[in-house]
Amino acid sequence: AIQARLAEQLDAGEIQDVSEEELGLLFLKRYNMNREELELVASRMGMHLNSLCLIKQEFDLFDEDRSGCIGAGEFRDLLHKLGEEPSNEELGAALNRLDHDQTGEVEFFEFCAWFTADD
C-alpha cells in the first residue's frame, strides 16, 4: 500500500529529487553509506531512493533525540502520519517484531523494511 502511494506521489512530481546535501543529512553521514549503497537498499525494499528519503524525513520528525530510533508512542504517531491506523493489537505485534533487542525502540531501517513489506 505504501509503495503504491509513494510511487503515485513520485510520478505526480509530489516527491522531489533529493539533493546531495539532503541525502547527506538524512543518511550518508549517520549510516556511513554512499549514494550507490543507499540506492541498493531502496531497490531491495522495492522503492525509489526519493521515496525512502520521504519516509526518513517523516521518521525523523518523530525521532526527537536524533538517535535513529523511535519509541512506541512515536511509532504509533508516525504510522498515523503515514496514513495507517493500527489497532493496539496490531501495534503491539509490530513492535514485538521490530524491537529485536527489546529496548522499546524501533530503528529506521527495521521500520522501513516492515512498513514497506507486502504482508
PDB file of N, CA and C in Angstrom:
ATOM      1  N   ALA A   1       0.819  -1.195   0.000  1.00  0.00           N
ATOM      2  CA  ALA A   1       0.000   0.000   0.000  1.00  0.00           C
ATOM      3  C   ALA A   1       0.862   1.257   0.000  1.00  0.00           C
ATOM      4  N   ILE A   2       1.856   1.296   0.887  1.00  0.00           N
ATOM      5  CA  ILE A   2       2.700   2.490   0.941  1.00  0.00           C
ATOM      6  C   ILE A   2       3.506   2.647  -0.338  1.00  0.00           C
ATOM      7  N   GLN A   3       3.969   1.517  -0.921  1.00  0.00           N
ATOM      8  CA  GLN A   3       4.746   1.625  -2.151  1.00  0.00           C
ATOM      9  C   GLN A   3       3.920   2.271  -3.244  1.00  0.00           C
ATOM     10  N   ALA A   4       2.653   1.884  -3.345  1.00  0.00           N
ATOM     11  CA  ALA A   4       1.781   2.439  -4.382  1.00  0.00           C
ATOM     12  C   ALA A   4       1.570   3.935  -4.166  1.00  0.00           C
ATOM     13  N   ARG A   5       1.308   4.337  -2.910  1.00  0.00           N
ATOM     14  CA  ARG A   5       1.118   5.762  -2.622  1.00  0.00           C
ATOM     15  C   ARG A   5       2.371   6.566  -2.939  1.00  0.00           C
ATOM     16  N   LEU A   6       3.516   6.042  -2.542  1.00  0.00           N
ATOM     17  CA  LEU A   6       4.762   6.756  -2.796  1.00  0.00           C
ATOM     18  C   LEU A   6       5.072   6.813  -4.284  1.00  0.00           C
ATOM     19  N   ALA A   7       4.802   5.721  -5.004  1.00  0.00           N
ATOM     20  CA  ALA A   7       5.029   5.712  -6.451  1.00  0.00           C
ATOM     21  C   ALA A   7       4.142   6.741  -7.137  1.00  0.00           C
ATOM     22  N   GLU A   8       2.883   6.833  -6.704  1.00  0.00           N
ATOM     23  CA  GLU A   8       1.969   7.828  -7.271  1.00  0.00           C
ATOM     24  C   GLU A   8       2.476   9.242  -7.002  1.00  0.00           C
ATOM     25  N   GLN A   9       2.927   9.492  -5.776  1.00  0.00           N
ATOM     26  CA  GLN A   9       3.445  10.817  -5.432  1.00  0.00           C
ATOM     27  C   GLN A   9       4.691  11.138  -6.251  1.00  0.00           C
ATOM     28  N   LEU A  10       5.552  10.139  -6.440  1.00  0.00           N
ATOM     29  CA  LEU A  10       6.763  10.339  -7.218  1.00  0.00           C
ATOM     30  C   LEU A  10       6.418  10.638  -8.667  1.00  0.00           C
ATOM     31  N   ASP A  11       5.511   9.842  -9.247  1.00  0.00           N
ATOM     32  CA  ASP A  11       5.095  10.042 -10.638  1.00  0.00           C
ATOM     33  C   ASP A  11       4.430  11.399 -10.831  1.00  0.00           C
ATOM     34  N   ALA A  12       3.684  11.841  -9.849  1.00  0.00           N
ATOM     35  CA  ALA A  12       2.970  13.118  -9.948  1.00  0.00           C
ATOM     36  C   ALA A  12       3.884  14.314  -9.666  1.00  0.00           C
ATOM     37  N   GLY A  13       5.128  14.030  -9.335  1.00  0.00           N
ATOM     38  CA  GLY A  13       6.055  15.120  -9.042  1.00  0.00           C
ATOM     39  C   GLY A  13       5.907  15.675  -7.646  1.00  0.00           C
ATOM     40  N   GLU A  14       5.134  14.982  -6.792  1.00  0.00           N
ATOM     41  CA  GLU A  14       4.944  15.453  -5.419  1.00  0.00           C
ATOM     42  C   GLU A  14       6.177  15.187  -4.561  1.00  0.00           C
ATOM     43  N   ILE A  15       6.977  14.200  -4.956  1.00  0.00           N
ATOM     44  CA  ILE A  15       8.221  13.909  -4.259  1.00  0.00           C
ATOM     45  C   ILE A  15       9.343  14.413  -5.154  1.00  0.00           C
ATOM     46  N   GLN A  16      10.058  15.385  -4.678  1.00  0.00           N
ATOM     47  CA  GLN A  16      11.121  15.993  -5.472  1.00  0.00           C
ATOM     48  C   GLN A  16      12.403  15.172  -5.354  1.00  0.00           C
ATOM     49  N   ASP A  17      13.249  15.288  -6.373  1.00  0.00           N
ATOM     50  CA  ASP A  17      14.550  14.637  -6.297  1.00  0.00           C
ATOM     51  C   ASP A  17      15.304  15.163  -5.088  1.00  0.00           C
ATOM     52  N   VAL A  18      16.007  14.276  -4.437  1.00  0.00           N
ATOM     53  CA  VAL A  18      16.742  14.613  -3.229  1.00  0.00           C
ATOM     54  C   VAL A  18      18.117  15.139  -3.623  1.00  0.00           C
ATOM     55  N   SER A  19      18.478  16.271  -3.069  1.00  0.00           N
ATOM     56  CA  SER A  19      19.799  16.834  -3.350  1.00  0.00           C
ATOM     57  C   SER A  19      20.862  16.036  -2.602  1.00  0.00           C
ATOM     58  N   GLU A  20      22.097  16.182  -3.046  1.00  0.00           N
ATOM     59  CA  GLU A  20      23.205  15.505  -2.361  1.00  0.00           C
ATOM     60  C   GLU A  20      23.313  15.983  -0.916  1.00  0.00           C
ATOM     61  N   GLU A  21      23.036  17.257  -0.688  1.00  0.00           N
ATOM     62  CA  GLU A  21      23.092  17.796   0.672  1.00  0.00           C
ATOM     63  C   GLU A  21      22.033  17.141   1.561  1.00  0.00           C
ATOM     64  N   GLU A  22      20.800  17.049   1.052  1.00  0.00           N
ATOM     65  CA  GLU A  22      19.724  16.408   1.820  1.00  0.00           C
ATOM     66  C   GLU A  22      20.047  14.944   2.073  1.00  0.00           C
ATOM     67  N   LEU A  23      20.556  14.274   1.055  1.00  0.00           N
ATOM     68  CA  LEU A  23      20.913  12.866   1.186  1.00  0.00           C
ATOM     69  C   LEU A  23      21.978  12.688   2.262  1.00  0.00           C
ATOM     70  N   GLY A  24      22.943  13.588   2.271  1.00  0.00           N
ATOM     71  CA  GLY A  24      23.984  13.530   3.290  1.00  0.00           C
ATOM     72  C   GLY A  24      23.428  13.716   4.683  1.00  0.00           C
ATOM     73  N   LEU A  25      22.523  14.674   4.833  1.00  0.00           N
ATOM     74  CA  LEU A  25      21.926  14.933   6.144  1.00  0.00           C
ATOM     75  C   LEU A  25      21.053  13.777   6.612  1.00  0.00           C
ATOM     76  N   LEU A  26      20.297  13.181   5.682  1.00  0.00           N
ATOM     77  CA  LEU A  26      19.362  12.119   6.054  1.00  0.00           C
ATOM     78  C   LEU A  26      20.045  10.784   6.318  1.00  0.00           C
ATOM     79  N   PHE A  27      21.038  10.437   5.504  1.00  0.00           N
ATOM     80  CA  PHE A  27      21.570   9.076   5.536  1.00  0.00           C
ATOM     81  C   PHE A  27      23.082   8.948   5.562  1.00  0.00           C
ATOM     82  N   LEU A  28      23.743   9.594   4.628  1.00  0.00           N
ATOM     83  CA  LEU A  28      25.125   9.251   4.328  1.00  0.00           C
ATOM     84  C   LEU A  28      26.053   9.403   5.522  1.00  0.00           C
ATOM     85  N   LYS A  29      25.912  10.480   6.279  1.00  0.00           N
ATOM     86  CA  LYS A  29      26.784  10.688   7.435  1.00  0.00           C
ATOM     87  C   LYS A  29      26.419   9.753   8.582  1.00  0.00           C
ATOM     88  N   ARG A  30      25.129   9.664   8.884  1.00  0.00           N
ATOM     89  CA  ARG A  30      24.689   8.864  10.030  1.00  0.00           C
ATOM     90  C   ARG A  30      24.973   7.379   9.839  1.00  0.00           C
ATOM     91  N   TYR A  31      24.715   6.866   8.649  1.00  0.00           N
ATOM     92  CA  TYR A  31      24.833   5.430   8.415  1.00  0.00           C
ATOM     93  C   TYR A  31      26.109   5.052   7.673  1.00  0.00           C
ATOM     94  N   ASN A  32      26.972   6.038   7.396  1.00  0.00           N
ATOM     95  CA  ASN A  32      28.240   5.794   6.720  1.00  0.00           C
ATOM     96  C   ASN A  32      28.044   5.003   5.423  1.00  0.00           C
ATOM     97  N   MET A  33      27.108   5.469   4.608  1.00  0.00           N
ATOM     98  CA  MET A  33      26.791   4.828   3.334  1.00  0.00           C
ATOM     99  C   MET A  33      27.018   5.833   2.211  1.00  0.00           C
ATOM    100  N   ASN A  34      27.345   5.328   1.026  1.00  0.00           N
ATOM    101  CA  ASN A  34      27.399   6.218  -0.126  1.00  0.00           C
ATOM    102  C   ASN A  34      26.075   6.116  -0.886  1.00  0.00           C
ATOM    103  N   ARG A  35      25.890   6.972  -1.871  1.00  0.00           N
ATOM    104  CA  ARG A  35      24.621   7.029  -2.605  1.00  0.00           C
ATOM    105  C   ARG A  35      24.282   5.682  -3.250  1.00  0.00           C
ATOM    106  N   GLU A  36      25.273   5.027  -3.840  1.00  0.00           N
ATOM    107  CA  GLU A  36      25.028   3.751  -4.510  1.00  0.00           C
ATOM    108  C   GLU A  36      24.535   2.693  -3.523  1.00  0.00           C
ATOM    109  N   GLU A  37      25.135   2.648  -2.339  1.00  0.00           N
ATOM    110  CA  GLU A  37      24.697   1.693  -1.319  1.00  0.00           C
ATOM    111  C   GLU A  37      23.264   1.983  -0.887  1.00  0.00           C
ATOM    112  N   LEU A  38      22.953   3.249  -0.737  1.00  0.00           N
ATOM    113  CA  LEU A  38      21.608   3.635  -0.326  1.00  0.00           C
ATOM    114  C   LEU A  38      20.584   3.315  -1.412  1.00  0.00           C
ATOM    115  N   GLU A  39      20.952   3.541  -2.672  1.00  0.00           N
ATOM    116  CA  GLU A  39      20.055   3.187  -3.778  1.00  0.00           C
ATOM    117  C   GLU A  39      19.807   1.685  -3.807  1.00  0.00           C
ATOM    118  N   LEU A  40      20.826   0.887  -3.491  1.00  0.00           N
ATOM    119  CA  LEU A  40      20.666  -0.562  -3.437  1.00  0.00           C
ATOM    120  C   LEU A  40      19.703  -0.959  -2.318  1.00  0.00           C
ATOM    121  N   VAL A  41      19.829  -0.336  -1.168  1.00  0.00           N
ATOM    122  CA  VAL A  41      18.910  -0.605  -0.052  1.00  0.00           C
ATOM    123  C   VAL A  41      17.479  -0.271  -0.463  1.00  0.00           C
ATOM    124  N   ALA A  42      17.289   0.892  -1.065  1.00  0.00           N
ATOM    125  CA  ALA A  42      15.950   1.298  -1.510  1.00  0.00           C
ATOM    126  C   ALA A  42      15.407   0.311  -2.536  1.00  0.00           C
ATOM    127  N   SER A  43      16.238  -0.094  -3.472  1.00  0.00           N
ATOM    128  CA  SER A  43      15.818  -1.047  -4.501  1.00  0.00           C
ATOM    129  C   SER A  43      15.394  -2.372  -3.884  1.00  0.00           C
ATOM    130  N   ARG A  44      16.141  -2.843  -2.908  1.00  0.00           N
ATOM    131  CA  ARG A  44      15.794  -4.105  -2.231  1.00  0.00           C
ATOM    132  C   ARG A  44      14.457  -4.001  -1.505  1.00  0.00           C
ATOM    133  N   MET A  45      14.095  -2.785  -1.108  1.00  0.00           N
ATOM    134  CA  MET A  45      12.801  -2.568  -0.461  1.00  0.00           C
ATOM    135  C   MET A  45      11.710  -2.297  -1.485  1.00  0.00           C
ATOM    136  N   GLY A  46      12.081  -2.289  -2.762  1.00  0.00           N
ATOM    137  CA  GLY A  46      11.102  -2.097  -3.824  1.00  0.00           C
ATOM    138  C   GLY A  46      10.648  -0.664  -3.991  1.00  0.00           C
ATOM    139  N   MET A  47      11.547   0.286  -3.713  1.00  0.00           N
ATOM    140  CA  MET A  47      11.150   1.685  -3.834  1.00  0.00           C
ATOM    141  C   MET A  47      12.272   2.517  -4.428  1.00  0.00           C
ATOM    142  N   HIS A  48      11.913   3.690  -4.846  1.00  0.00           N
ATOM    143  CA  HIS A  48      12.853   4.675  -5.364  1.00  0.00           C
ATOM    144  C   HIS A  48      13.544   5.348  -4.181  1.00  0.00           C
ATOM    145  N   LEU A  49      14.751   5.803  -4.393  1.00  0.00           N
ATOM    146  CA  LEU A  49      15.508   6.484  -3.344  1.00  0.00           C
ATOM    147  C   LEU A  49      14.742   7.677  -2.774  1.00  0.00           C
ATOM    148  N   ASN A  50      14.058   8.415  -3.626  1.00  0.00           N
ATOM    149  CA  ASN A  50      13.297   9.578  -3.145  1.00  0.00           C
ATOM    150  C   ASN A  50      12.195   9.162  -2.182  1.00  0.00           C
ATOM    151  N   SER A  51      11.567   8.013  -2.430  1.00  0.00           N
ATOM    152  CA  SER A  51      10.524   7.514  -1.529  1.00  0.00           C
ATOM    153  C   SER A  51      11.114   7.142  -0.178  1.00  0.00           C
ATOM    154  N   LEU A  52      12.274   6.494  -0.202  1.00  0.00           N
ATOM    155  CA  LEU A  52      12.950   6.144   1.043  1.00  0.00           C
ATOM    156  C   LEU A  52      13.276   7.412   1.835  1.00  0.00           C
ATOM    157  N   CYS A  53      13.716   8.441   1.130  1.00  0.00           N
ATOM    158  CA  CYS A  53      14.040   9.712   1.789  1.00  0.00           C
ATOM    159  C   CYS A  53      12.798  10.364   2.387  1.00  0.00           C
ATOM    160  N   LEU A  54      11.667  10.251   1.695  1.00  0.00           N
ATOM    161  CA  LEU A  54      10.419  10.803   2.228  1.00  0.00           C
ATOM    162  C   LEU A  54      10.042  10.112   3.536  1.00  0.00           C
ATOM    163  N   ILE A  55      10.131   8.795   3.558  1.00  0.00           N
ATOM    164  CA  ILE A  55       9.825   8.057   4.784  1.00  0.00           C
ATOM    165  C   ILE A  55      10.811   8.457   5.880  1.00  0.00           C
ATOM    166  N   LYS A  56      12.077   8.621   5.539  1.00  0.00           N
ATOM    167  CA  LYS A  56      13.091   9.009   6.523  1.00  0.00           C
ATOM    168  C   LYS A  56      12.807  10.400   7.087  1.00  0.00           C
ATOM    169  N   GLN A  57      12.385  11.311   6.226  1.00  0.00           N
ATOM    170  CA  GLN A  57      12.050  12.655   6.706  1.00  0.00           C
ATOM    171  C   GLN A  57      10.898  12.594   7.703  1.00  0.00           C
ATOM    172  N   GLU A  58       9.879  11.796   7.406  1.00  0.00           N
ATOM    173  CA  GLU A  58       8.756  11.647   8.333  1.00  0.00           C
ATOM    174  C   GLU A  58       9.216  10.979   9.624  1.00  0.00           C
ATOM    175  N   PHE A  59      10.037   9.931   9.504  1.00  0.00           N
ATOM    176  CA  PHE A  59      10.566   9.229  10.671  1.00  0.00           C
ATOM    177  C   PHE A  59      11.328  10.204  11.569  1.00  0.00           C
ATOM    178  N   ASP A  60      12.171  11.036  10.962  1.00  0.00           N
ATOM    179  CA  ASP A  60      12.995  11.967  11.739  1.00  0.00           C
ATOM    180  C   ASP A  60      12.177  13.005  12.494  1.00  0.00           C
ATOM    181  N   LEU A  61      10.983  13.328  12.010  1.00  0.00           N
ATOM    182  CA  LEU A  61      10.122  14.261  12.736  1.00  0.00           C
ATOM    183  C   LEU A  61       9.740  13.710  14.104  1.00  0.00           C
ATOM    184  N   PHE A  62       9.714  12.385  14.222  1.00  0.00           N
ATOM    185  CA  PHE A  62       9.324  11.737  15.473  1.00  0.00           C
ATOM    186  C   PHE A  62      10.531  11.278  16.291  1.00  0.00           C
ATOM    187  N   ASP A  63      11.700  11.299  15.698  1.00  0.00           N
ATOM    188  CA  ASP A  63      12.945  10.909  16.367  1.00  0.00           C
ATOM    189  C   ASP A  63      13.557  12.160  16.992  1.00  0.00           C
ATOM    190  N   GLU A  64      12.983  12.589  18.102  1.00  0.00           N
ATOM    191  CA  GLU A  64      13.341  13.872  18.699  1.00  0.00           C
ATOM    192  C   GLU A  64      14.799  13.976  19.121  1.00  0.00           C
ATOM    193  N   ASP A  65      15.392  12.879  19.579  1.00  0.00           N
ATOM    194  CA  ASP A  65      16.786  12.950  20.029  1.00  0.00           C
ATOM    195  C   ASP A  65      17.780  12.598  18.921  1.00  0.00           C
ATOM    196  N   ARG A  66      17.273  12.371  17.715  1.00  0.00           N
ATOM    197  CA  ARG A  66      18.094  12.061  16.535  1.00  0.00           C
ATOM    198  C   ARG A  66      18.978  10.830  16.750  1.00  0.00           C
ATOM    199  N   SER A  67      18.444   9.864  17.485  1.00  0.00           N
ATOM    200  CA  SER A  67      19.189   8.639  17.755  1.00  0.00           C
ATOM    201  C   SER A  67      19.067   7.628  16.625  1.00  0.00           C
ATOM    202  N   GLY A  68      18.121   7.856  15.708  1.00  0.00           N
ATOM    203  CA  GLY A  68      17.866   6.878  14.653  1.00  0.00           C
ATOM    204  C   GLY A  68      16.810   5.872  15.060  1.00  0.00           C
ATOM    205  N   CYS A  69      16.229   6.076  16.258  1.00  0.00           N
ATOM    206  CA  CYS A  69      15.207   5.169  16.788  1.00  0.00           C
ATOM    207  C   CYS A  69      14.015   5.978  17.305  1.00  0.00           C
ATOM    208  N   ILE A  70      12.849   5.322  17.341  1.00  0.00           N
ATOM    209  CA  ILE A  70      11.667   5.943  17.942  1.00  0.00           C
ATOM    210  C   ILE A  70      11.047   4.958  18.925  1.00  0.00           C
ATOM    211  N   GLY A  71      10.393   5.502  19.951  1.00  0.00           N
ATOM    212  CA  GLY A  71       9.713   4.686  20.941  1.00  0.00           C
ATOM    213  C   GLY A  71       8.314   4.311  20.486  1.00  0.00           C
ATOM    214  N   ALA A  72       7.595   3.577  21.325  1.00  0.00           N
ATOM    215  CA  ALA A  72       6.268   3.061  20.971  1.00  0.00           C
ATOM    216  C   ALA A  72       5.272   4.171  20.644  1.00  0.00           C
ATOM    217  N   GLY A  73       5.243   5.220  21.445  1.00  0.00           N
ATOM    218  CA  GLY A  73       4.307   6.317  21.193  1.00  0.00           C
ATOM    219  C   GLY A  73       4.598   7.022  19.886  1.00  0.00           C
ATOM    220  N   GLU A  74       5.876   7.266  19.643  1.00  0.00           N
ATOM    221  CA  GLU A  74       6.270   7.903  18.387  1.00  0.00           C
ATOM    222  C   GLU A  74       5.991   6.990  17.196  1.00  0.00           C
ATOM    223  N   PHE A  75       6.140   5.699  17.404  1.00  0.00           N
ATOM    224  CA  PHE A  75       5.863   4.714  16.353  1.00  0.00           C
ATOM    225  C   PHE A  75       4.401   4.815  15.912  1.00  0.00           C
ATOM    226  N   ARG A  76       3.496   4.861  16.880  1.00  0.00           N
ATOM    227  CA  ARG A  76       2.072   5.000  16.551  1.00  0.00           C
ATOM    228  C   ARG A  76       1.815   6.323  15.820  1.00  0.00           C
ATOM    229  N   ASP A  77       2.390   7.409  16.341  1.00  0.00           N
ATOM    230  CA  ASP A  77       2.202   8.721  15.713  1.00  0.00           C
ATOM    231  C   ASP A  77       2.731   8.737  14.283  1.00  0.00           C
ATOM    232  N   LEU A  78       3.866   8.100  14.054  1.00  0.00           N
ATOM    233  CA  LEU A  78       4.443   8.036  12.714  1.00  0.00           C
ATOM    234  C   LEU A  78       3.532   7.264  11.768  1.00  0.00           C
ATOM    235  N   LEU A  79       3.004   6.143  12.224  1.00  0.00           N
ATOM    236  CA  LEU A  79       2.088   5.364  11.383  1.00  0.00           C
ATOM    237  C   LEU A  79       0.862   6.187  11.016  1.00  0.00           C
ATOM    238  N   HIS A  80       0.323   6.927  11.973  1.00  0.00           N
ATOM    239  CA  HIS A  80      -0.827   7.802  11.694  1.00  0.00           C
ATOM    240  C   HIS A  80      -0.458   8.832  10.630  1.00  0.00           C
ATOM    241  N   LYS A  81       0.712   9.446  10.778  1.00  0.00           N
ATOM    242  CA  LYS A  81       1.170  10.460   9.820  1.00  0.00           C
ATOM    243  C   LYS A  81       1.310   9.875   8.413  1.00  0.00           C
ATOM    244  N   LEU A  82       1.710   8.601   8.329  1.00  0.00           N
ATOM    245  CA  LEU A  82       1.887   7.934   7.040  1.00  0.00           C
ATOM    246  C   LEU A  82       0.598   7.296   6.533  1.00  0.00           C
ATOM    247  N   GLY A  83      -0.525   7.577   7.217  1.00  0.00           N
ATOM    248  CA  GLY A  83      -1.828   7.140   6.720  1.00  0.00           C
ATOM    249  C   GLY A  83      -2.303   5.789   7.207  1.00  0.00           C
ATOM    250  N   GLU A  84      -1.670   5.242   8.226  1.00  0.00           N
ATOM    251  CA  GLU A  84      -2.063   3.938   8.765  1.00  0.00           C
ATOM    252  C   GLU A  84      -2.741   4.135  10.119  1.00  0.00           C
ATOM    253  N   GLU A  85      -3.718   3.295  10.403  1.00  0.00           N
ATOM    254  CA  GLU A  85      -4.451   3.366  11.670  1.00  0.00           C
ATOM    255  C   GLU A  85      -4.436   1.991  12.347  1.00  0.00           C
ATOM    256  N   PRO A  86      -3.304   1.588  12.927  1.00  0.00           N
ATOM    257  CA  PRO A  86      -3.232   0.258  13.529  1.00  0.00           C
ATOM    258  C   PRO A  86      -4.027   0.172  14.832  1.00  0.00           C
ATOM    259  N   SER A  87      -4.602  -1.003  15.067  1.00  0.00           N
ATOM    260  CA  SER A  87      -5.240  -1.249  16.361  1.00  0.00           C
ATOM    261  C   SER A  87      -4.130  -1.427  17.395  1.00  0.00           C
ATOM    262  N   ASN A  88      -4.493  -1.416  18.675  1.00  0.00           N
ATOM    263  CA  ASN A  88      -3.497  -1.638  19.726  1.00  0.00           C
ATOM    264  C   ASN A  88      -2.834  -2.997  19.563  1.00  0.00           C
ATOM    265  N   GLU A  89      -3.631  -3.995  19.176  1.00  0.00           N
ATOM    266  CA  GLU A  89      -3.094  -5.343  18.972  1.00  0.00           C
ATOM    267  C   GLU A  89      -2.095  -5.359  17.811  1.00  0.00           C
ATOM    268  N   GLU A  90      -2.450  -4.707  16.700  1.00  0.00           N
ATOM    269  CA  GLU A  90      -1.548  -4.647  15.544  1.00  0.00           C
ATOM    270  C   GLU A  90      -0.270  -3.889  15.886  1.00  0.00           C
ATOM    271  N   LEU A  91      -0.418  -2.811  16.633  1.00  0.00           N
ATOM    272  CA  LEU A  91       0.744  -2.022  17.029  1.00  0.00           C
ATOM    273  C   LEU A  91       1.672  -2.845  17.921  1.00  0.00           C
ATOM    274  N   GLY A  92       1.101  -3.537  18.889  1.00  0.00           N
ATOM    275  CA  GLY A  92       1.902  -4.374  19.779  1.00  0.00           C
ATOM    276  C   GLY A  92       2.629  -5.477  19.036  1.00  0.00           C
ATOM    277  N   ALA A  93       1.930  -6.117  18.101  1.00  0.00           N
ATOM    278  CA  ALA A  93       2.551  -7.182  17.308  1.00  0.00           C
ATOM    279  C   ALA A  93       3.688  -6.627  16.458  1.00  0.00           C
ATOM    280  N   ALA A  94       3.474  -5.455  15.873  1.00  0.00           N
ATOM    281  CA  ALA A  94       4.514  -4.834  15.044  1.00  0.00           C
ATOM    282  C   ALA A  94       5.738  -4.487  15.889  1.00  0.00           C
ATOM    283  N   LEU A  95       5.508  -3.926  17.059  1.00  0.00           N
ATOM    284  CA  LEU A  95       6.627  -3.571  17.935  1.00  0.00           C
ATOM    285  C   LEU A  95       7.406  -4.807  18.361  1.00  0.00           C
ATOM    286  N   ASN A  96       6.701  -5.893  18.650  1.00  0.00           N
ATOM    287  CA  ASN A  96       7.385  -7.130  19.035  1.00  0.00           C
ATOM    288  C   ASN A  96       8.266  -7.651  17.915  1.00  0.00           C
ATOM    289  N   ARG A  97       7.787  -7.535  16.671  1.00  0.00           N
ATOM    290  CA  ARG A  97       8.589  -7.989  15.528  1.00  0.00           C
ATOM    291  C   ARG A  97       9.777  -7.074  15.275  1.00  0.00           C
ATOM    292  N   LEU A  98       9.596  -5.786  15.486  1.00  0.00           N
ATOM    293  CA  LEU A  98      10.632  -4.816  15.136  1.00  0.00           C
ATOM    294  C   LEU A  98      11.671  -4.588  16.225  1.00  0.00           C
ATOM    295  N   ASP A  99      11.280  -4.692  17.456  1.00  0.00           N
ATOM    296  CA  ASP A  99      12.167  -4.378  18.576  1.00  0.00           C
ATOM    297  C   ASP A  99      12.922  -5.634  19.004  1.00  0.00           C
ATOM    298  N   HIS A 100      13.879  -6.043  18.177  1.00  0.00           N
ATOM    299  CA  HIS A 100      14.603  -7.292  18.411  1.00  0.00           C
ATOM    300  C   HIS A 100      15.373  -7.304  19.727  1.00  0.00           C
ATOM    301  N   ASP A 101      15.918  -6.172  20.107  1.00  0.00           N
ATOM    302  CA  ASP A 101      16.717  -6.135  21.330  1.00  0.00           C
ATOM    303  C   ASP A 101      15.908  -5.740  22.566  1.00  0.00           C
ATOM    304  N   GLN A 102      14.580  -5.600  22.389  1.00  0.00           N
ATOM    305  CA  GLN A 102      13.663  -5.306  23.492  1.00  0.00           C
ATOM    306  C   GLN A 102      14.031  -4.030  24.253  1.00  0.00           C
ATOM    307  N   THR A 103      14.460  -3.012  23.517  1.00  0.00           N
ATOM    308  CA  THR A 103      14.796  -1.734  24.140  1.00  0.00           C
ATOM    309  C   THR A 103      13.595  -0.809  24.224  1.00  0.00           C
ATOM    310  N   GLY A 104      12.512  -1.177  23.537  1.00  0.00           N
ATOM    311  CA  GLY A 104      11.349  -0.305  23.483  1.00  0.00           C
ATOM    312  C   GLY A 104      11.446   0.716  22.369  1.00  0.00           C
ATOM    313  N   GLU A 105      12.441   0.555  21.494  1.00  0.00           N
ATOM    314  CA  GLU A 105      12.634   1.484  20.381  1.00  0.00           C
ATOM    315  C   GLU A 105      12.733   0.734  19.055  1.00  0.00           C
ATOM    316  N   VAL A 106      12.396   1.451  17.985  1.00  0.00           N
ATOM    317  CA  VAL A 106      12.422   0.901  16.635  1.00  0.00           C
ATOM    318  C   VAL A 106      13.420   1.704  15.805  1.00  0.00           C
ATOM    319  N   GLU A 107      14.355   1.015  15.139  1.00  0.00           N
ATOM    320  CA  GLU A 107      15.368   1.647  14.291  1.00  0.00           C
ATOM    321  C   GLU A 107      14.784   1.906  12.907  1.00  0.00           C
ATOM    322  N   PHE A 108      15.261   2.946  12.220  1.00  0.00           N
ATOM    323  CA  PHE A 108      14.675   3.365  10.947  1.00  0.00           C
ATOM    324  C   PHE A 108      14.632   2.262   9.896  1.00  0.00           C
ATOM    325  N   PHE A 109      15.735   1.618   9.603  1.00  0.00           N
ATOM    326  CA  PHE A 109      15.733   0.632   8.522  1.00  0.00           C
ATOM    327  C   PHE A 109      14.853  -0.571   8.863  1.00  0.00           C
ATOM    328  N   GLU A 110      14.772  -0.945  10.131  1.00  0.00           N
ATOM    329  CA  GLU A 110      13.845  -2.008  10.537  1.00  0.00           C
ATOM    330  C   GLU A 110      12.408  -1.557  10.304  1.00  0.00           C
ATOM    331  N   PHE A 111      12.105  -0.319  10.691  1.00  0.00           N
ATOM    332  CA  PHE A 111      10.769   0.216  10.465  1.00  0.00           C
ATOM    333  C   PHE A 111      10.437   0.228   8.979  1.00  0.00           C
ATOM    334  N   CYS A 112      11.346   0.734   8.182  1.00  0.00           N
ATOM    335  CA  CYS A 112      11.095   0.889   6.751  1.00  0.00           C
ATOM    336  C   CYS A 112      10.880  -0.469   6.079  1.00  0.00           C
ATOM    337  N   ALA A 113      11.703  -1.457   6.401  1.00  0.00           N
ATOM    338  CA  ALA A 113      11.543  -2.794   5.821  1.00  0.00           C
ATOM    339  C   ALA A 113      10.187  -3.379   6.203  1.00  0.00           C
ATOM    340  N   TRP A 114       9.782  -3.207   7.465  1.00  0.00           N
ATOM    341  CA  TRP A 114       8.482  -3.716   7.910  1.00  0.00           C
ATOM    342  C   TRP A 114       7.348  -2.957   7.239  1.00  0.00           C
ATOM    343  N   PHE A 115       7.450  -1.626   7.202  1.00  0.00           N
ATOM    344  CA  PHE A 115       6.370  -0.791   6.691  1.00  0.00           C
ATOM    345  C   PHE A 115       6.121  -1.013   5.213  1.00  0.00           C
ATOM    346  N   THR A 116       7.160  -1.307   4.462  1.00  0.00           N
ATOM    347  CA  THR A 116       7.014  -1.480   3.018  1.00  0.00           C
ATOM    348  C   THR A 116       6.799  -2.928   2.606  1.00  0.00           C
ATOM    349  N   ALA A 117       6.810  -3.858   3.561  1.00  0.00           N
ATOM    350  CA  ALA A 117       6.589  -5.275   3.237  1.00  0.00           C
ATOM    351  C   ALA A 117       5.161  -5.492   2.755  1.00  0.00           C
ATOM    352  N   ASP A 118       4.976  -6.519   1.935  1.00  0.00           N
ATOM    353  CA  ASP A 118       3.668  -6.796   1.337  1.00  0.00           C
ATOM    354  C   ASP A 118       2.707  -7.541   2.250  1.00  0.00           C
ATOM    355  N   ASP A 119       3.168  -8.093   3.345  1.00  0.00           N
ATOM    356  CA  ASP A 119       2.270  -8.889   4.197  1.00  0.00           C
ATOM    357  C   ASP A 119       1.426  -8.027   5.020  1.00  0.00           C
TER     358      ASP A 119
END
